[in-house]
Amino acid sequence: MSAGKRRKTWPPRRGLPQAAQAAREAKALEAAKFQAKAERAASLERPRQDAAATVVQAHCRGILVRRRLRAAAAARLWRKQEEDAAARAIQGAFSACAERKIFVKLRHAAVRLQARARGNEALRSLQAMQLVATAIQSAVRGWIARRAHARA
């Protein structure tokens, strides 16, 4: 700006009366006192707030830890149930295999017993047929011998 030109402001500045100036300063002083008092109260309130925040944080951490512990216990329970179910399945398969082996042995024994019984029955039947055949042959031979003896 040049020295000759004066900067114009809007709205134009006017000098304040002295009483208004004093009131404004008093108001500013009162605001400063209020602010200092509020800062002092806040600085006194800060430790209480910190303590309250610590208590709240402790409670929240406790809740989270208990929740994690419940989840871990539920996981352990689920894992135990799964292991028990797997053990039951393995034991069931093993006992089924053992029962199958016993059944197969019994079935083979029954088959052998039936074969032996049928063989004995067939042998008795064959012996009976041989006795009958021998008797028939003896009768026929006797008849042939008598006939040949009668012709002679």
C-alpha atoms as a PDB file:
ATOM      1  CA  MET A   1       0.000   0.000   0.000  1.00  0.00           C
ATOM      2  CA  SER A   2       1.140   3.392  -0.737  1.00  0.00           C
ATOM      3  CA  ALA A   3       1.710   5.847   2.073  1.00  0.00           C
ATOM      4  CA  GLY A   4      -0.872   8.250   0.810  1.00  0.00           C
ATOM      5  CA  LYS A   5      -3.659   5.765   0.510  1.00  0.00           C
ATOM      6  CA  ARG A   6      -5.458   4.536   3.510  1.00  0.00           C
ATOM      7  CA  ARG A   7      -6.988   1.105   3.581  1.00  0.00           C
ATOM      8  CA  LYS A   8     -10.703   1.177   3.904  1.00  0.00           C
ATOM      9  CA  THR A   9     -12.410  -1.357   6.142  1.00  0.00           C
ATOM     10  CA  TRP A  10     -15.993  -2.343   6.114  1.00  0.00           C
ATOM     11  CA  PRO A  11     -17.864  -1.678   8.276  1.00  0.00           C
ATOM     12  CA  PRO A  12     -15.954   1.456   9.132  1.00  0.00           C
ATOM     13  CA  ARG A  13     -14.161   1.298  12.516  1.00  0.00           C
ATOM     14  CA  ARG A  14     -15.470   3.510  15.129  1.00  0.00           C
ATOM     15  CA  GLY A  15     -14.021   4.107  18.479  1.00  0.00           C
ATOM     16  CA  LEU A  16     -15.894   2.406  21.341  1.00  0.00           C
ATOM     17  CA  PRO A  17     -16.959   4.449  24.320  1.00  0.00           C
ATOM     18  CA  GLN A  18     -14.764   3.897  27.324  1.00  0.00           C
ATOM     19  CA  ALA A  19     -17.497   2.253  29.428  1.00  0.00           C
ATOM     20  CA  ALA A  20     -18.199  -0.284  26.700  1.00  0.00           C
ATOM     21  CA  GLN A  21     -14.470  -0.970  26.424  1.00  0.00           C
ATOM     22  CA  ALA A  22     -14.264  -1.590  30.182  1.00  0.00           C
ATOM     23  CA  ALA A  23     -17.314  -3.897  30.058  1.00  0.00           C
ATOM     24  CA  ARG A  24     -15.755  -5.867  27.262  1.00  0.00           C
ATOM     25  CA  GLU A  25     -12.506  -6.264  29.187  1.00  0.00           C
ATOM     26  CA  ALA A  26     -14.396  -7.301  32.325  1.00  0.00           C
ATOM     27  CA  LYS A  27     -16.271  -9.868  30.298  1.00  0.00           C
ATOM     28  CA  ALA A  28     -13.017 -11.203  28.831  1.00  0.00           C
ATOM     29  CA  LEU A  29     -11.489 -11.395  32.323  1.00  0.00           C
ATOM     30  CA  GLU A  30     -14.538 -13.270  33.615  1.00  0.00           C
ATOM     31  CA  ALA A  31     -14.332 -15.702  30.671  1.00  0.00           C
ATOM     32  CA  ALA A  32     -10.642 -16.264  31.389  1.00  0.00           C
ATOM     33  CA  LYS A  33     -11.390 -16.951  35.070  1.00  0.00           C
ATOM     34  CA  PHE A  34     -14.201 -19.347  34.102  1.00  0.00           C
ATOM     35  CA  GLN A  35     -11.901 -21.136  31.660  1.00  0.00           C
ATOM     36  CA  ALA A  36      -9.159 -21.451  34.311  1.00  0.00           C
ATOM     37  CA  LYS A  37     -11.709 -22.790  36.802  1.00  0.00           C
ATOM     38  CA  ALA A  38     -13.001 -25.298  34.232  1.00  0.00           C
ATOM     39  CA  GLU A  39      -9.440 -26.409  33.418  1.00  0.00           C
ATOM     40  CA  ARG A  40      -8.703 -26.827  37.133  1.00  0.00           C
ATOM     41  CA  ALA A  41     -11.902 -28.867  37.579  1.00  0.00           C
ATOM     42  CA  ALA A  42     -11.022 -30.941  34.528  1.00  0.00           C
ATOM     43  CA  SER A  43      -7.517 -31.574  35.875  1.00  0.00           C
ATOM     44  CA  LEU A  44      -9.056 -32.703  39.170  1.00  0.00           C
ATOM     45  CA  GLU A  45     -11.646 -34.805  37.333  1.00  0.00           C
ATOM     46  CA  ARG A  46      -9.019 -36.506  35.126  1.00  0.00           C
ATOM     47  CA  PRO A  47      -7.743 -39.015  37.755  1.00  0.00           C
ATOM     48  CA  ARG A  48     -11.327 -40.038  38.576  1.00  0.00           C
ATOM     49  CA  GLN A  49     -12.066 -40.519  34.900  1.00  0.00           C
ATOM     50  CA  ASP A  50      -8.856 -42.528  34.490  1.00  0.00           C
ATOM     51  CA  ALA A  51      -9.833 -44.742  37.439  1.00  0.00           C
ATOM     52  CA  ALA A  52     -13.348 -45.212  36.042  1.00  0.00           C
ATOM     53  CA  ALA A  53     -11.909 -46.039  32.611  1.00  0.00           C
ATOM     54  CA  THR A  54      -9.574 -48.586  34.227  1.00  0.00           C
ATOM     55  CA  VAL A  55     -12.507 -50.269  35.979  1.00  0.00           C
ATOM     56  CA  VAL A  56     -14.552 -50.376  32.763  1.00  0.00           C
ATOM     57  CA  GLN A  57     -11.572 -51.757  30.833  1.00  0.00           C
ATOM     58  CA  ALA A  58     -11.023 -54.431  33.487  1.00  0.00           C
ATOM     59  CA  HIS A  59     -14.663 -55.479  33.295  1.00  0.00           C
ATOM     60  CA  CYS A  60     -14.556 -55.580  29.483  1.00  0.00           C
ATOM     61  CA  ARG A  61     -11.351 -57.640  29.522  1.00  0.00           C
ATOM     62  CA  GLY A  62     -12.924 -60.001  32.046  1.00  0.00           C
ATOM     63  CA  ILE A  63     -15.983 -60.437  29.823  1.00  0.00           C
ATOM     64  CA  LEU A  64     -13.769 -61.136  26.793  1.00  0.00           C
ATOM     65  CA  VAL A  65     -11.614 -63.628  28.700  1.00  0.00           C
ATOM     66  CA  ARG A  66     -14.679 -65.446  30.062  1.00  0.00           C
ATOM     67  CA  ARG A  67     -16.142 -65.557  26.570  1.00  0.00           C
ATOM     68  CA  ARG A  68     -12.875 -67.004  25.217  1.00  0.00           C
ATOM     69  CA  LEU A  69     -12.775 -69.548  28.045  1.00  0.00           C
ATOM     70  CA  ARG A  70     -16.366 -70.613  27.340  1.00  0.00           C
ATOM     71  CA  ALA A  71     -15.531 -70.985  23.640  1.00  0.00           C
ATOM     72  CA  ALA A  72     -12.414 -73.018  24.483  1.00  0.00           C
ATOM     73  CA  ALA A  73     -14.429 -75.236  26.864  1.00  0.00           C
ATOM     74  CA  ALA A  74     -17.086 -75.729  24.194  1.00  0.00           C
ATOM     75  CA  ALA A  75     -14.360 -76.608  21.674  1.00  0.00           C
ATOM     76  CA  ARG A  76     -12.828 -79.101  24.122  1.00  0.00           C
ATOM     77  CA  LEU A  77     -16.259 -80.644  24.742  1.00  0.00           C
ATOM     78  CA  TRP A  78     -16.958 -80.854  21.004  1.00  0.00           C
ATOM     79  CA  ARG A  79     -13.509 -82.394  20.393  1.00  0.00           C
ATOM     80  CA  LYS A  80     -14.103 -84.954  23.177  1.00  0.00           C
ATOM     81  CA  GLN A  81     -17.502 -85.850  21.730  1.00  0.00           C
ATOM     82  CA  GLU A  82     -15.936 -86.250  18.285  1.00  0.00           C
ATOM     83  CA  GLU A  83     -13.163 -88.435  19.705  1.00  0.00           C
ATOM     84  CA  ASP A  84     -15.719 -90.539  21.607  1.00  0.00           C
ATOM     85  CA  ALA A  85     -17.821 -90.948  18.465  1.00  0.00           C
ATOM     86  CA  ALA A  86     -14.721 -91.951  16.488  1.00  0.00           C
ATOM     87  CA  ALA A  87     -13.718 -94.440  19.209  1.00  0.00           C
ATOM     88  CA  ARG A  88     -17.221 -95.923  19.212  1.00  0.00           C
ATOM     89  CA  ALA A  89     -17.107 -96.253  15.425  1.00  0.00           C
ATOM     90  CA  ILE A  90     -13.708 -97.961  15.560  1.00  0.00           C
ATOM     91  CA  GLN A  91     -14.830-100.274  18.368  1.00  0.00           C
ATOM     92  CA  GLY A  92     -18.017-101.093  16.469  1.00  0.00           C
ATOM     93  CA  ALA A  93     -16.075-101.918  13.315  1.00  0.00           C
ATOM     94  CA  PHE A  94     -13.618-104.058  15.292  1.00  0.00           C
ATOM     95  CA  SER A  95     -16.357-105.980  17.118  1.00  0.00           C
ATOM     96  CA  ALA A  96     -18.258-106.436  13.834  1.00  0.00           C
ATOM     97  CA  CYS A  97     -15.104-107.867  12.258  1.00  0.00           C
ATOM     98  CA  ALA A  98     -14.597-110.202  15.234  1.00  0.00           C
ATOM     99  CA  GLU A  99     -18.259-111.303  15.089  1.00  0.00           C
ATOM    100  CA  ARG A 100     -17.929-111.894  11.355  1.00  0.00           C
ATOM    101  CA  LYS A 101     -14.879-114.105  11.940  1.00  0.00           C
ATOM    102  CA  ILE A 102     -16.761-116.095  14.585  1.00  0.00           C
ATOM    103  CA  PHE A 103     -19.756-116.432  12.229  1.00  0.00           C
ATOM    104  CA  VAL A 104     -17.542-117.627   9.383  1.00  0.00           C
ATOM    105  CA  LYS A 105     -15.894-120.225  11.660  1.00  0.00           C
ATOM    106  CA  LEU A 106     -19.301-121.444  12.854  1.00  0.00           C
ATOM    107  CA  ARG A 107     -20.627-121.589   9.297  1.00  0.00           C
ATOM    108  CA  HIS A 108     -17.602-123.601   8.127  1.00  0.00           C
ATOM    109  CA  ALA A 109     -18.024-125.927  11.114  1.00  0.00           C
ATOM    110  CA  ALA A 110     -21.727-126.343  10.306  1.00  0.00           C
ATOM    111  CA  VAL A 111     -20.929-127.024   6.649  1.00  0.00           C
ATOM    112  CA  ARG A 112     -18.302-129.627   7.630  1.00  0.00           C
ATOM    113  CA  LEU A 113     -20.731-131.217  10.096  1.00  0.00           C
ATOM    114  CA  GLN A 114     -23.483-131.359   7.490  1.00  0.00           C
ATOM    115  CA  ALA A 115     -21.054-132.806   4.932  1.00  0.00           C
ATOM    116  CA  ARG A 116     -19.951-135.465   7.439  1.00  0.00           C
ATOM    117  CA  ALA A 117     -23.605-136.285   8.264  1.00  0.00           C
ATOM    118  CA  ARG A 118     -24.532-136.507   4.566  1.00  0.00           C
ATOM    119  CA  GLY A 119     -21.447-138.615   3.904  1.00  0.00           C
ATOM    120  CA  ASN A 120     -22.392-141.008   6.727  1.00  0.00           C
ATOM    121  CA  GLU A 121     -25.957-141.178   5.431  1.00  0.00           C
ATOM    122  CA  ALA A 122     -24.729-141.839   1.906  1.00  0.00           C
ATOM    123  CA  LEU A 123     -22.362-144.541   3.209  1.00  0.00           C
ATOM    124  CA  ARG A 124     -25.185-146.257   5.134  1.00  0.00           C
ATOM    125  CA  SER A 125     -27.402-146.012   2.071  1.00  0.00           C
ATOM    126  CA  LEU A 126     -24.623-147.478  -0.101  1.00  0.00           C
ATOM    127  CA  GLN A 127     -24.024-150.294   2.387  1.00  0.00           C
ATOM    128  CA  ALA A 128     -27.763-151.019   2.467  1.00  0.00           C
ATOM    129  CA  MET A 129     -27.836-151.069  -1.343  1.00  0.00           C
ATOM    130  CA  GLN A 130     -24.799-153.343  -1.401  1.00  0.00           C
ATOM    131  CA  LEU A 131     -26.521-155.725   1.032  1.00  0.00           C
ATOM    132  CA  VAL A 132     -29.649-155.702  -1.119  1.00  0.00           C
ATOM    133  CA  ALA A 133     -27.573-156.122  -4.308  1.00  0.00           C
ATOM    134  CA  THR A 134     -25.660-158.986  -2.702  1.00  0.00           C
ATOM    135  CA  ALA A 135     -28.926-160.622  -1.629  1.00  0.00           C
ATOM    136  CA  ILE A 136     -30.376-160.177  -5.141  1.00  0.00           C
ATOM    137  CA  GLN A 137     -27.186-161.468  -6.740  1.00  0.00           C
ATOM    138  CA  SER A 138     -27.141-164.429  -4.333  1.00  0.00           C
ATOM    139  CA  ALA A 139     -30.775-165.220  -5.098  1.00  0.00           C
ATOM    140  CA  VAL A 140     -30.224-164.917  -8.867  1.00  0.00           C
ATOM    141  CA  ARG A 141     -27.057-167.038  -8.743  1.00  0.00           C
ATOM    142  CA  GLY A 142     -28.880-169.636  -6.621  1.00  0.00           C
ATOM    143  CA  TRP A 143     -31.751-169.642  -9.138  1.00  0.00           C
ATOM    144  CA  ILE A 144     -29.325-169.970 -12.067  1.00  0.00           C
ATOM    145  CA  ALA A 145     -27.429-172.757 -10.278  1.00  0.00           C
ATOM    146  CA  ARG A 146     -30.664-174.605  -9.463  1.00  0.00           C
ATOM    147  CA  ARG A 147     -31.896-174.236 -13.007  1.00  0.00           C
ATOM    148  CA  ALA A 148     -28.598-175.414 -14.397  1.00  0.00           C
ATOM    149  CA  HIS A 149     -28.630-178.302 -11.936  1.00  0.00           C
ATOM    150  CA  ALA A 150     -32.244-179.138 -12.863  1.00  0.00           C
ATOM    151  CA  ARG A 151     -31.373-179.301 -16.572  1.00  0.00           C
ATOM    152  CA  ALA A 152     -28.426-181.406 -16.031  1.00  0.00           C
END
